[in-house]
Amino acid sequence: MSTLGQLAYAAIDFESAGAAPGETDYPVQIGIVRSRSLLDPQPECFTSYIACRHPVRWSASKVHGITAATLKDAPPFTSLWPEIKRLLGGAVVVGHNPATEIRFLRAFPGHGFTPWLDTLALARQAMPGLADYSLSSACNALGITPQITALVHGKSWHDALYDAAGSLLLLRAIITGLDMQSATLRQIPFAVKD
């Protein structure tokens, strides 16, 4: 079995249109950062807005800044499938509390992307005592936010690509900081979802 240092990783994040209780939510932006190994110096980045027939709620737009005008020429989600499949295929898929990402990828039945590694669960175990385990707080606590900004210039928190990069670099910082590169996924079952 490959070690954590040897595995390929693909961190993914979606921004959404927002939904009222009981309504279905829809993706409006995707970001993926794929690394060939934990210490890959040049991970591959992909981002796209996603066409959405549902209005972007004011509360969601206030967080990520995406509006109907932003999405005017965005491609439909299904047209992004070949690139999503290429980037996520054969990699451990990484997300910070990835329930939304898992739900949105159900648009492609049978995609088979597993295992998932949850950096929120990993941060809670590796960094006890933080007042807040949001992605930005965990990255700031480890001092890696400047590295995220250097990887994805001109972006900030709540941009799908920036948040995906944050998840990947948070994973890297925790694994290397605890010298766990030679461990396996089986040794961190609390953070792995199949």
N, C-alpha and C. Protein backbone atom coordinates (compact mmCIF):
# COMPACT_ATOMS: atom_id res chain seq x y z
N MET A 1 0.84 -1.18 0.00
CA MET A 1 0.00 0.00 0.00
C MET A 1 0.89 1.25 0.00
N SER A 2 0.52 2.23 -0.81
CA SER A 2 1.29 3.47 -0.90
C SER A 2 1.21 4.26 0.40
N THR A 3 2.26 5.00 0.69
CA THR A 3 2.29 5.82 1.89
C THR A 3 1.66 7.18 1.60
N LEU A 4 1.36 7.92 2.66
CA LEU A 4 0.77 9.25 2.50
C LEU A 4 1.68 10.16 1.68
N GLY A 5 2.98 9.98 1.80
CA GLY A 5 3.92 10.79 1.03
C GLY A 5 3.94 10.47 -0.45
N GLN A 6 3.52 9.25 -0.82
CA GLN A 6 3.60 8.80 -2.21
C GLN A 6 2.30 8.99 -3.00
N LEU A 7 1.18 9.09 -2.30
CA LEU A 7 -0.12 9.14 -2.97
C LEU A 7 -0.32 10.42 -3.78
N ALA A 8 -1.13 10.31 -4.83
CA ALA A 8 -1.59 11.50 -5.57
C ALA A 8 -2.83 12.03 -4.85
N TYR A 9 -2.97 13.34 -4.81
CA TYR A 9 -4.10 13.98 -4.14
C TYR A 9 -4.76 14.98 -5.08
N ALA A 10 -6.08 15.08 -4.97
CA ALA A 10 -6.83 16.09 -5.72
C ALA A 10 -7.80 16.75 -4.76
N ALA A 11 -7.48 17.98 -4.38
CA ALA A 11 -8.35 18.73 -3.47
C ALA A 11 -9.41 19.44 -4.30
N ILE A 12 -10.64 19.41 -3.81
CA ILE A 12 -11.76 19.99 -4.55
C ILE A 12 -12.59 20.86 -3.62
N ASP A 13 -13.14 21.92 -4.20
CA ASP A 13 -14.06 22.76 -3.45
C ASP A 13 -15.10 23.31 -4.43
N PHE A 14 -16.31 23.46 -3.94
CA PHE A 14 -17.39 24.11 -4.70
C PHE A 14 -17.87 25.33 -3.93
N GLU A 15 -18.27 26.35 -4.64
CA GLU A 15 -19.07 27.44 -4.09
C GLU A 15 -20.47 27.21 -4.64
N SER A 16 -21.48 27.61 -3.87
CA SER A 16 -22.84 27.29 -4.27
C SER A 16 -23.73 28.52 -4.37
N ALA A 17 -24.90 28.29 -4.97
CA ALA A 17 -25.89 29.35 -5.13
C ALA A 17 -26.60 29.66 -3.83
N GLY A 18 -26.50 28.74 -2.87
CA GLY A 18 -27.21 28.91 -1.60
C GLY A 18 -28.64 28.44 -1.73
N ALA A 19 -29.20 27.99 -0.63
CA ALA A 19 -30.57 27.47 -0.65
C ALA A 19 -31.24 27.71 0.68
N ALA A 20 -32.53 27.94 0.63
CA ALA A 20 -33.33 28.03 1.85
C ALA A 20 -33.55 26.61 2.37
N PRO A 21 -33.88 26.47 3.66
CA PRO A 21 -34.15 25.13 4.19
C PRO A 21 -35.19 24.38 3.34
N GLY A 22 -34.86 23.13 3.01
CA GLY A 22 -35.74 22.31 2.20
C GLY A 22 -35.55 22.46 0.70
N GLU A 23 -34.77 23.46 0.26
CA GLU A 23 -34.51 23.65 -1.16
C GLU A 23 -33.24 22.92 -1.57
N THR A 24 -33.11 22.64 -2.85
CA THR A 24 -31.90 22.05 -3.39
C THR A 24 -30.89 23.15 -3.68
N ASP A 25 -29.63 22.91 -3.32
CA ASP A 25 -28.56 23.86 -3.60
C ASP A 25 -27.86 23.44 -4.90
N TYR A 26 -27.22 24.39 -5.56
CA TYR A 26 -26.56 24.12 -6.84
C TYR A 26 -25.17 24.73 -6.84
N PRO A 27 -24.22 24.07 -7.51
CA PRO A 27 -22.86 24.62 -7.58
C PRO A 27 -22.79 25.78 -8.58
N VAL A 28 -21.96 26.77 -8.25
CA VAL A 28 -21.75 27.89 -9.16
C VAL A 28 -20.26 28.09 -9.49
N GLN A 29 -19.37 27.40 -8.75
CA GLN A 29 -17.93 27.48 -9.03
C GLN A 29 -17.28 26.21 -8.50
N ILE A 30 -16.28 25.74 -9.24
CA ILE A 30 -15.49 24.57 -8.83
C ILE A 30 -14.02 24.94 -8.88
N GLY A 31 -13.28 24.41 -7.94
CA GLY A 31 -11.82 24.53 -7.94
C GLY A 31 -11.22 23.18 -7.60
N ILE A 32 -10.20 22.79 -8.35
CA ILE A 32 -9.50 21.52 -8.09
C ILE A 32 -8.00 21.80 -8.15
N VAL A 33 -7.27 21.27 -7.18
CA VAL A 33 -5.81 21.33 -7.20
C VAL A 33 -5.30 19.91 -7.04
N ARG A 34 -4.58 19.42 -8.06
CA ARG A 34 -4.09 18.03 -8.07
C ARG A 34 -2.57 18.02 -7.93
N SER A 35 -2.10 17.17 -7.02
CA SER A 35 -0.66 16.99 -6.86
C SER A 35 -0.31 15.52 -7.08
N ARG A 36 0.80 15.29 -7.73
CA ARG A 36 1.23 13.92 -8.04
C ARG A 36 1.70 13.17 -6.80
N SER A 37 2.10 13.92 -5.78
CA SER A 37 2.49 13.36 -4.49
C SER A 37 2.32 14.46 -3.45
N LEU A 38 2.51 14.13 -2.20
CA LEU A 38 2.28 15.09 -1.13
C LEU A 38 3.13 16.34 -1.29
N LEU A 39 4.37 16.19 -1.74
CA LEU A 39 5.29 17.33 -1.84
C LEU A 39 5.50 17.82 -3.26
N ASP A 40 4.59 17.48 -4.16
CA ASP A 40 4.66 17.95 -5.55
C ASP A 40 4.85 19.47 -5.55
N PRO A 41 5.95 19.98 -6.12
CA PRO A 41 6.19 21.42 -6.08
C PRO A 41 5.31 22.23 -7.03
N GLN A 42 4.71 21.58 -8.01
CA GLN A 42 3.87 22.30 -8.97
C GLN A 42 2.55 21.58 -9.19
N PRO A 43 1.64 21.68 -8.21
CA PRO A 43 0.34 21.05 -8.41
C PRO A 43 -0.42 21.71 -9.56
N GLU A 44 -1.28 20.93 -10.19
CA GLU A 44 -2.08 21.43 -11.32
C GLU A 44 -3.38 22.03 -10.78
N CYS A 45 -3.71 23.22 -11.27
CA CYS A 45 -4.90 23.94 -10.80
C CYS A 45 -5.94 24.07 -11.91
N PHE A 46 -7.20 23.91 -11.52
CA PHE A 46 -8.32 24.07 -12.45
C PHE A 46 -9.46 24.76 -11.72
N THR A 47 -10.06 25.74 -12.38
CA THR A 47 -11.25 26.38 -11.82
C THR A 47 -12.19 26.80 -12.94
N SER A 48 -13.46 26.83 -12.62
CA SER A 48 -14.47 27.29 -13.58
C SER A 48 -15.71 27.74 -12.82
N TYR A 49 -16.34 28.77 -13.33
CA TYR A 49 -17.69 29.07 -12.88
C TYR A 49 -18.60 28.03 -13.52
N ILE A 50 -19.79 27.85 -12.96
CA ILE A 50 -20.73 26.84 -13.44
C ILE A 50 -22.09 27.50 -13.67
N ALA A 51 -22.63 27.32 -14.87
CA ALA A 51 -23.95 27.87 -15.17
C ALA A 51 -24.98 27.34 -14.17
N CYS A 52 -25.88 28.20 -13.77
CA CYS A 52 -26.89 27.80 -12.79
C CYS A 52 -28.21 28.46 -13.17
N ARG A 53 -29.25 27.63 -13.33
CA ARG A 53 -30.57 28.17 -13.70
C ARG A 53 -31.32 28.73 -12.50
N HIS A 54 -30.78 28.51 -11.33
CA HIS A 54 -31.41 29.00 -10.11
C HIS A 54 -30.72 30.28 -9.67
N PRO A 55 -31.43 31.19 -9.06
CA PRO A 55 -30.80 32.44 -8.66
C PRO A 55 -29.75 32.22 -7.57
N VAL A 56 -28.70 33.03 -7.62
CA VAL A 56 -27.70 33.01 -6.56
C VAL A 56 -28.27 33.84 -5.42
N ARG A 57 -28.45 33.20 -4.28
CA ARG A 57 -29.03 33.90 -3.13
C ARG A 57 -28.09 35.00 -2.64
N TRP A 58 -28.70 36.06 -2.16
CA TRP A 58 -27.93 37.19 -1.67
C TRP A 58 -26.96 36.75 -0.57
N SER A 59 -27.41 35.88 0.33
CA SER A 59 -26.58 35.44 1.44
C SER A 59 -25.33 34.69 0.94
N ALA A 60 -25.47 33.90 -0.11
CA ALA A 60 -24.33 33.18 -0.69
C ALA A 60 -23.40 34.14 -1.42
N SER A 61 -23.98 35.04 -2.19
CA SER A 61 -23.19 36.02 -2.94
C SER A 61 -22.38 36.91 -2.00
N LYS A 62 -22.94 37.21 -0.85
CA LYS A 62 -22.25 38.04 0.14
C LYS A 62 -20.97 37.34 0.62
N VAL A 63 -20.97 36.00 0.66
CA VAL A 63 -19.81 35.24 1.11
C VAL A 63 -18.76 35.13 0.01
N HIS A 64 -19.18 34.68 -1.19
CA HIS A 64 -18.19 34.40 -2.24
C HIS A 64 -18.12 35.44 -3.36
N GLY A 65 -19.05 36.35 -3.41
CA GLY A 65 -19.00 37.41 -4.42
C GLY A 65 -19.49 37.03 -5.80
N ILE A 66 -20.01 35.83 -5.97
CA ILE A 66 -20.48 35.38 -7.27
C ILE A 66 -21.93 35.81 -7.45
N THR A 67 -22.22 36.40 -8.60
CA THR A 67 -23.57 36.88 -8.91
C THR A 67 -24.05 36.26 -10.21
N ALA A 68 -25.28 36.54 -10.55
CA ALA A 68 -25.83 36.09 -11.84
C ALA A 68 -24.99 36.63 -12.99
N ALA A 69 -24.53 37.86 -12.88
CA ALA A 69 -23.69 38.46 -13.93
C ALA A 69 -22.38 37.70 -14.07
N THR A 70 -21.81 37.25 -12.97
CA THR A 70 -20.56 36.48 -12.99
C THR A 70 -20.74 35.20 -13.81
N LEU A 71 -21.93 34.62 -13.73
CA LEU A 71 -22.20 33.32 -14.35
C LEU A 71 -22.73 33.42 -15.77
N LYS A 72 -22.80 34.63 -16.30
CA LYS A 72 -23.44 34.87 -17.60
C LYS A 72 -22.97 33.92 -18.70
N ASP A 73 -21.68 33.72 -18.85
CA ASP A 73 -21.15 32.86 -19.91
C ASP A 73 -20.55 31.56 -19.38
N ALA A 74 -20.92 31.19 -18.16
CA ALA A 74 -20.34 29.98 -17.54
C ALA A 74 -20.86 28.72 -18.24
N PRO A 75 -20.02 27.68 -18.32
CA PRO A 75 -20.44 26.43 -18.95
C PRO A 75 -21.35 25.63 -18.02
N PRO A 76 -22.16 24.74 -18.59
CA PRO A 76 -22.96 23.85 -17.74
C PRO A 76 -22.05 22.86 -17.00
N PHE A 77 -22.51 22.44 -15.84
CA PHE A 77 -21.74 21.53 -14.98
C PHE A 77 -21.35 20.27 -15.74
N THR A 78 -22.26 19.70 -16.49
CA THR A 78 -21.98 18.44 -17.19
C THR A 78 -20.85 18.57 -18.21
N SER A 79 -20.66 19.76 -18.78
CA SER A 79 -19.58 19.93 -19.76
C SER A 79 -18.20 19.90 -19.11
N LEU A 80 -18.15 20.06 -17.78
CA LEU A 80 -16.87 20.04 -17.07
C LEU A 80 -16.45 18.62 -16.68
N TRP A 81 -17.34 17.65 -16.90
CA TRP A 81 -17.08 16.28 -16.48
C TRP A 81 -15.74 15.72 -16.97
N PRO A 82 -15.37 15.84 -18.24
CA PRO A 82 -14.09 15.25 -18.66
C PRO A 82 -12.89 15.77 -17.86
N GLU A 83 -12.88 17.07 -17.57
CA GLU A 83 -11.76 17.64 -16.80
C GLU A 83 -11.83 17.22 -15.34
N ILE A 84 -13.03 17.19 -14.77
CA ILE A 84 -13.19 16.72 -13.38
C ILE A 84 -12.71 15.28 -13.26
N LYS A 85 -13.14 14.44 -14.18
CA LYS A 85 -12.76 13.02 -14.16
C LYS A 85 -11.25 12.85 -14.29
N ARG A 86 -10.64 13.61 -15.17
CA ARG A 86 -9.18 13.52 -15.36
C ARG A 86 -8.44 13.93 -14.09
N LEU A 87 -8.89 15.00 -13.46
CA LEU A 87 -8.17 15.52 -12.30
C LEU A 87 -8.39 14.70 -11.03
N LEU A 88 -9.60 14.18 -10.84
CA LEU A 88 -9.89 13.43 -9.62
C LEU A 88 -9.57 11.95 -9.74
N GLY A 89 -9.55 11.43 -10.95
CA GLY A 89 -9.32 10.00 -11.16
C GLY A 89 -7.95 9.55 -10.65
N GLY A 90 -7.93 8.44 -9.93
CA GLY A 90 -6.68 7.86 -9.46
C GLY A 90 -6.02 8.61 -8.31
N ALA A 91 -6.74 9.53 -7.70
CA ALA A 91 -6.17 10.32 -6.61
C ALA A 91 -7.03 10.17 -5.36
N VAL A 92 -6.42 10.42 -4.21
CA VAL A 92 -7.19 10.57 -2.98
C VAL A 92 -7.84 11.95 -3.08
N VAL A 93 -9.16 12.00 -2.94
CA VAL A 93 -9.87 13.26 -3.09
C VAL A 93 -9.93 13.93 -1.72
N VAL A 94 -9.53 15.19 -1.68
CA VAL A 94 -9.37 15.92 -0.43
C VAL A 94 -10.37 17.06 -0.37
N GLY A 95 -10.98 17.24 0.79
CA GLY A 95 -11.87 18.37 1.02
C GLY A 95 -11.93 18.69 2.50
N HIS A 96 -12.28 19.92 2.81
CA HIS A 96 -12.43 20.33 4.21
C HIS A 96 -13.91 20.20 4.54
N ASN A 97 -14.26 19.12 5.26
CA ASN A 97 -15.66 18.77 5.49
C ASN A 97 -16.37 18.63 4.14
N PRO A 98 -16.02 17.61 3.36
CA PRO A 98 -16.42 17.53 1.95
C PRO A 98 -17.84 17.07 1.66
N ALA A 99 -18.77 17.20 2.58
CA ALA A 99 -20.14 16.74 2.33
C ALA A 99 -20.75 17.42 1.12
N THR A 100 -20.54 18.72 0.97
CA THR A 100 -21.10 19.45 -0.18
C THR A 100 -20.47 18.95 -1.47
N GLU A 101 -19.16 18.75 -1.47
CA GLU A 101 -18.47 18.29 -2.68
C GLU A 101 -18.97 16.90 -3.07
N ILE A 102 -19.11 16.02 -2.11
CA ILE A 102 -19.62 14.67 -2.39
C ILE A 102 -21.03 14.76 -2.96
N ARG A 103 -21.86 15.60 -2.38
CA ARG A 103 -23.25 15.74 -2.85
C ARG A 103 -23.30 16.30 -4.27
N PHE A 104 -22.52 17.32 -4.57
CA PHE A 104 -22.56 17.90 -5.91
C PHE A 104 -22.02 16.93 -6.97
N LEU A 105 -21.06 16.10 -6.61
CA LEU A 105 -20.53 15.14 -7.58
C LEU A 105 -21.50 14.00 -7.87
N ARG A 106 -22.57 13.89 -7.10
CA ARG A 106 -23.60 12.89 -7.41
C ARG A 106 -24.29 13.19 -8.75
N ALA A 107 -24.05 14.37 -9.30
CA ALA A 107 -24.58 14.68 -10.63
C ALA A 107 -23.99 13.73 -11.67
N PHE A 108 -22.88 13.07 -11.31
CA PHE A 108 -22.22 12.12 -12.20
C PHE A 108 -22.27 10.74 -11.55
N PRO A 109 -23.40 10.03 -11.68
CA PRO A 109 -23.56 8.74 -10.99
C PRO A 109 -22.44 7.77 -11.34
N GLY A 110 -22.02 7.04 -10.33
CA GLY A 110 -21.01 6.01 -10.56
C GLY A 110 -19.63 6.55 -10.83
N HIS A 111 -19.33 7.79 -10.43
CA HIS A 111 -18.03 8.37 -10.73
C HIS A 111 -16.88 7.61 -10.08
N GLY A 112 -17.10 7.01 -8.92
CA GLY A 112 -16.10 6.16 -8.30
C GLY A 112 -14.93 6.86 -7.65
N PHE A 113 -15.03 8.15 -7.36
CA PHE A 113 -13.93 8.85 -6.73
C PHE A 113 -13.87 8.49 -5.24
N THR A 114 -12.90 7.71 -4.87
CA THR A 114 -12.64 7.36 -3.48
C THR A 114 -11.17 7.01 -3.36
N PRO A 115 -10.60 7.03 -2.21
CA PRO A 115 -11.20 7.50 -0.97
C PRO A 115 -11.19 9.02 -0.88
N TRP A 116 -11.99 9.52 0.03
CA TRP A 116 -12.01 10.95 0.36
C TRP A 116 -11.25 11.15 1.66
N LEU A 117 -10.48 12.22 1.73
CA LEU A 117 -9.77 12.55 2.95
C LEU A 117 -10.29 13.90 3.45
N ASP A 118 -10.78 13.93 4.66
CA ASP A 118 -11.40 15.12 5.24
C ASP A 118 -10.39 15.87 6.08
N THR A 119 -9.95 17.05 5.61
CA THR A 119 -8.96 17.82 6.35
C THR A 119 -9.54 18.44 7.62
N LEU A 120 -10.85 18.61 7.70
CA LEU A 120 -11.45 19.09 8.94
C LEU A 120 -11.25 18.05 10.05
N ALA A 121 -11.57 16.79 9.78
CA ALA A 121 -11.37 15.73 10.77
C ALA A 121 -9.89 15.59 11.13
N LEU A 122 -9.03 15.71 10.14
CA LEU A 122 -7.59 15.60 10.37
C LEU A 122 -7.10 16.76 11.24
N ALA A 123 -7.55 17.97 10.95
CA ALA A 123 -7.13 19.14 11.73
C ALA A 123 -7.61 19.04 13.17
N ARG A 124 -8.82 18.56 13.38
CA ARG A 124 -9.33 18.42 14.75
C ARG A 124 -8.46 17.47 15.58
N GLN A 125 -7.96 16.41 14.96
CA GLN A 125 -7.10 15.47 15.68
C GLN A 125 -5.67 16.01 15.84
N ALA A 126 -5.16 16.64 14.79
CA ALA A 126 -3.76 17.07 14.79
C ALA A 126 -3.53 18.40 15.50
N MET A 127 -4.58 19.21 15.63
CA MET A 127 -4.43 20.56 16.18
C MET A 127 -5.44 20.79 17.30
N PRO A 128 -5.38 20.02 18.36
CA PRO A 128 -6.38 20.17 19.43
C PRO A 128 -6.29 21.56 20.07
N GLY A 129 -7.45 22.07 20.45
CA GLY A 129 -7.47 23.33 21.17
C GLY A 129 -7.74 24.56 20.34
N LEU A 130 -7.85 24.42 19.02
CA LEU A 130 -8.20 25.60 18.22
C LEU A 130 -9.62 26.01 18.55
N ALA A 131 -9.86 27.30 18.60
CA ALA A 131 -11.20 27.79 18.88
C ALA A 131 -12.12 27.57 17.69
N ASP A 132 -11.54 27.48 16.50
CA ASP A 132 -12.30 27.44 15.25
C ASP A 132 -11.54 26.55 14.27
N TYR A 133 -12.22 25.60 13.66
CA TYR A 133 -11.57 24.70 12.71
C TYR A 133 -11.98 24.98 11.26
N SER A 134 -12.44 26.20 10.99
CA SER A 134 -12.70 26.56 9.60
C SER A 134 -11.40 26.42 8.83
N LEU A 135 -11.49 26.29 7.52
CA LEU A 135 -10.30 26.12 6.70
C LEU A 135 -9.35 27.29 6.87
N SER A 136 -9.87 28.51 6.84
CA SER A 136 -9.00 29.68 6.97
C SER A 136 -8.33 29.72 8.34
N SER A 137 -9.07 29.39 9.41
CA SER A 137 -8.49 29.41 10.75
C SER A 137 -7.39 28.36 10.92
N ALA A 138 -7.63 27.15 10.40
CA ALA A 138 -6.61 26.10 10.50
C ALA A 138 -5.36 26.47 9.71
N CYS A 139 -5.54 27.02 8.52
CA CYS A 139 -4.39 27.42 7.70
C CYS A 139 -3.65 28.58 8.34
N ASN A 140 -4.37 29.54 8.88
CA ASN A 140 -3.73 30.67 9.55
C ASN A 140 -2.95 30.20 10.78
N ALA A 141 -3.52 29.25 11.53
CA ALA A 141 -2.85 28.74 12.72
C ALA A 141 -1.52 28.07 12.37
N LEU A 142 -1.44 27.46 11.20
CA LEU A 142 -0.20 26.81 10.76
C LEU A 142 0.71 27.75 9.96
N GLY A 143 0.24 28.97 9.71
CA GLY A 143 1.05 29.95 8.98
C GLY A 143 1.22 29.66 7.51
N ILE A 144 0.28 28.93 6.89
CA ILE A 144 0.45 28.54 5.48
C ILE A 144 -0.38 29.38 4.52
N THR A 145 -1.15 30.33 5.01
CA THR A 145 -1.96 31.16 4.11
C THR A 145 -1.11 31.86 3.04
N PRO A 146 0.07 32.41 3.35
CA PRO A 146 0.89 33.00 2.28
C PRO A 146 1.26 32.00 1.18
N GLN A 147 1.45 30.73 1.53
CA GLN A 147 1.76 29.71 0.51
C GLN A 147 0.56 29.47 -0.40
N ILE A 148 -0.64 29.52 0.17
CA ILE A 148 -1.86 29.34 -0.63
C ILE A 148 -1.98 30.49 -1.61
N THR A 149 -1.77 31.70 -1.11
CA THR A 149 -1.86 32.90 -1.95
C THR A 149 -0.82 32.85 -3.06
N ALA A 150 0.37 32.35 -2.76
CA ALA A 150 1.42 32.24 -3.79
C ALA A 150 1.04 31.22 -4.86
N LEU A 151 0.35 30.16 -4.46
CA LEU A 151 -0.03 29.11 -5.42
C LEU A 151 -1.15 29.59 -6.35
N VAL A 152 -2.12 30.32 -5.81
CA VAL A 152 -3.27 30.77 -6.61
C VAL A 152 -3.40 32.30 -6.48
N HIS A 153 -2.58 32.99 -7.23
CA HIS A 153 -2.52 34.45 -7.19
C HIS A 153 -3.88 35.09 -7.47
N GLY A 154 -4.14 36.18 -6.80
CA GLY A 154 -5.33 36.97 -7.09
C GLY A 154 -6.63 36.39 -6.55
N LYS A 155 -6.55 35.37 -5.74
CA LYS A 155 -7.74 34.74 -5.17
C LYS A 155 -7.71 34.94 -3.65
N SER A 156 -8.82 34.60 -2.98
CA SER A 156 -8.88 34.68 -1.53
C SER A 156 -9.90 33.65 -1.02
N TRP A 157 -10.05 33.59 0.29
CA TRP A 157 -10.98 32.63 0.88
C TRP A 157 -12.37 32.75 0.27
N HIS A 158 -13.04 31.63 0.15
CA HIS A 158 -14.38 31.49 -0.44
C HIS A 158 -14.37 31.61 -1.96
N ASP A 159 -13.20 31.54 -2.56
CA ASP A 159 -13.06 31.26 -3.98
C ASP A 159 -12.77 29.77 -4.04
N ALA A 160 -13.44 29.04 -4.92
CA ALA A 160 -13.33 27.58 -4.93
C ALA A 160 -11.88 27.11 -5.13
N LEU A 161 -11.12 27.77 -6.00
CA LEU A 161 -9.74 27.35 -6.24
C LEU A 161 -8.88 27.64 -5.02
N TYR A 162 -9.07 28.79 -4.40
CA TYR A 162 -8.29 29.14 -3.21
C TYR A 162 -8.56 28.15 -2.08
N ASP A 163 -9.84 27.83 -1.87
CA ASP A 163 -10.19 26.90 -0.81
C ASP A 163 -9.68 25.48 -1.10
N ALA A 164 -9.70 25.06 -2.36
CA ALA A 164 -9.13 23.75 -2.72
C ALA A 164 -7.63 23.74 -2.43
N ALA A 165 -6.95 24.81 -2.83
CA ALA A 165 -5.52 24.91 -2.54
C ALA A 165 -5.27 24.91 -1.03
N GLY A 166 -6.14 25.58 -0.28
CA GLY A 166 -6.02 25.58 1.17
C GLY A 166 -6.14 24.18 1.75
N SER A 167 -7.09 23.40 1.25
CA SER A 167 -7.25 22.03 1.73
C SER A 167 -6.01 21.19 1.45
N LEU A 168 -5.47 21.31 0.24
CA LEU A 168 -4.29 20.53 -0.12
C LEU A 168 -3.09 20.93 0.74
N LEU A 169 -2.86 22.23 0.89
CA LEU A 169 -1.69 22.67 1.66
C LEU A 169 -1.87 22.44 3.15
N LEU A 170 -3.10 22.45 3.65
CA LEU A 170 -3.35 22.08 5.04
C LEU A 170 -3.00 20.61 5.26
N LEU A 171 -3.44 19.75 4.34
CA LEU A 171 -3.08 18.34 4.41
C LEU A 171 -1.57 18.17 4.43
N ARG A 172 -0.89 18.82 3.52
CA ARG A 172 0.57 18.73 3.42
C ARG A 172 1.23 19.18 4.73
N ALA A 173 0.78 20.30 5.27
CA ALA A 173 1.38 20.84 6.50
C ALA A 173 1.18 19.91 7.68
N ILE A 174 0.00 19.33 7.80
CA ILE A 174 -0.26 18.42 8.92
C ILE A 174 0.57 17.14 8.79
N ILE A 175 0.55 16.53 7.60
CA ILE A 175 1.26 15.27 7.40
C ILE A 175 2.77 15.46 7.58
N THR A 176 3.33 16.51 7.00
CA THR A 176 4.78 16.73 7.14
C THR A 176 5.12 17.21 8.54
N GLY A 177 4.27 18.05 9.12
CA GLY A 177 4.53 18.57 10.46
C GLY A 177 4.55 17.48 11.51
N LEU A 178 3.75 16.45 11.31
CA LEU A 178 3.73 15.31 12.24
C LEU A 178 4.62 14.17 11.77
N ASP A 179 5.38 14.40 10.69
CA ASP A 179 6.29 13.41 10.12
C ASP A 179 5.57 12.08 9.85
N MET A 180 4.42 12.19 9.16
CA MET A 180 3.58 11.02 8.87
C MET A 180 3.67 10.59 7.40
N GLN A 181 4.66 11.03 6.67
CA GLN A 181 4.73 10.71 5.25
C GLN A 181 4.79 9.21 4.99
N SER A 182 5.35 8.44 5.93
CA SER A 182 5.45 7.00 5.71
C SER A 182 4.25 6.23 6.27
N ALA A 183 3.27 6.94 6.85
CA ALA A 183 2.04 6.30 7.32
C ALA A 183 1.15 5.99 6.11
N THR A 184 0.07 5.25 6.34
CA THR A 184 -0.88 4.95 5.28
C THR A 184 -2.25 5.49 5.65
N LEU A 185 -3.16 5.50 4.69
CA LEU A 185 -4.53 5.94 4.96
C LEU A 185 -5.18 5.11 6.06
N ARG A 186 -4.82 3.84 6.14
CA ARG A 186 -5.39 2.97 7.18
C ARG A 186 -5.06 3.46 8.59
N GLN A 187 -4.00 4.24 8.71
CA GLN A 187 -3.59 4.72 10.02
C GLN A 187 -4.29 6.02 10.43
N ILE A 188 -5.11 6.57 9.54
CA ILE A 188 -5.89 7.77 9.87
C ILE A 188 -7.36 7.55 9.46
N PRO A 189 -7.98 6.45 9.93
CA PRO A 189 -9.34 6.12 9.49
C PRO A 189 -10.38 7.17 9.85
N PHE A 190 -10.15 7.94 10.90
CA PHE A 190 -11.10 8.97 11.32
C PHE A 190 -11.25 10.09 10.29
N ALA A 191 -10.27 10.21 9.38
CA ALA A 191 -10.32 11.27 8.37
C ALA A 191 -10.64 10.76 6.97
N VAL A 192 -10.81 9.45 6.81
CA VAL A 192 -11.02 8.85 5.49
C VAL A 192 -12.47 8.43 5.33
N LYS A 193 -13.04 8.80 4.19
CA LYS A 193 -14.42 8.40 3.84
C LYS A 193 -14.35 7.62 2.53
N ASP A 194 -14.93 6.43 2.52
CA ASP A 194 -14.93 5.64 1.28
C ASP A 194 -16.26 5.74 0.57
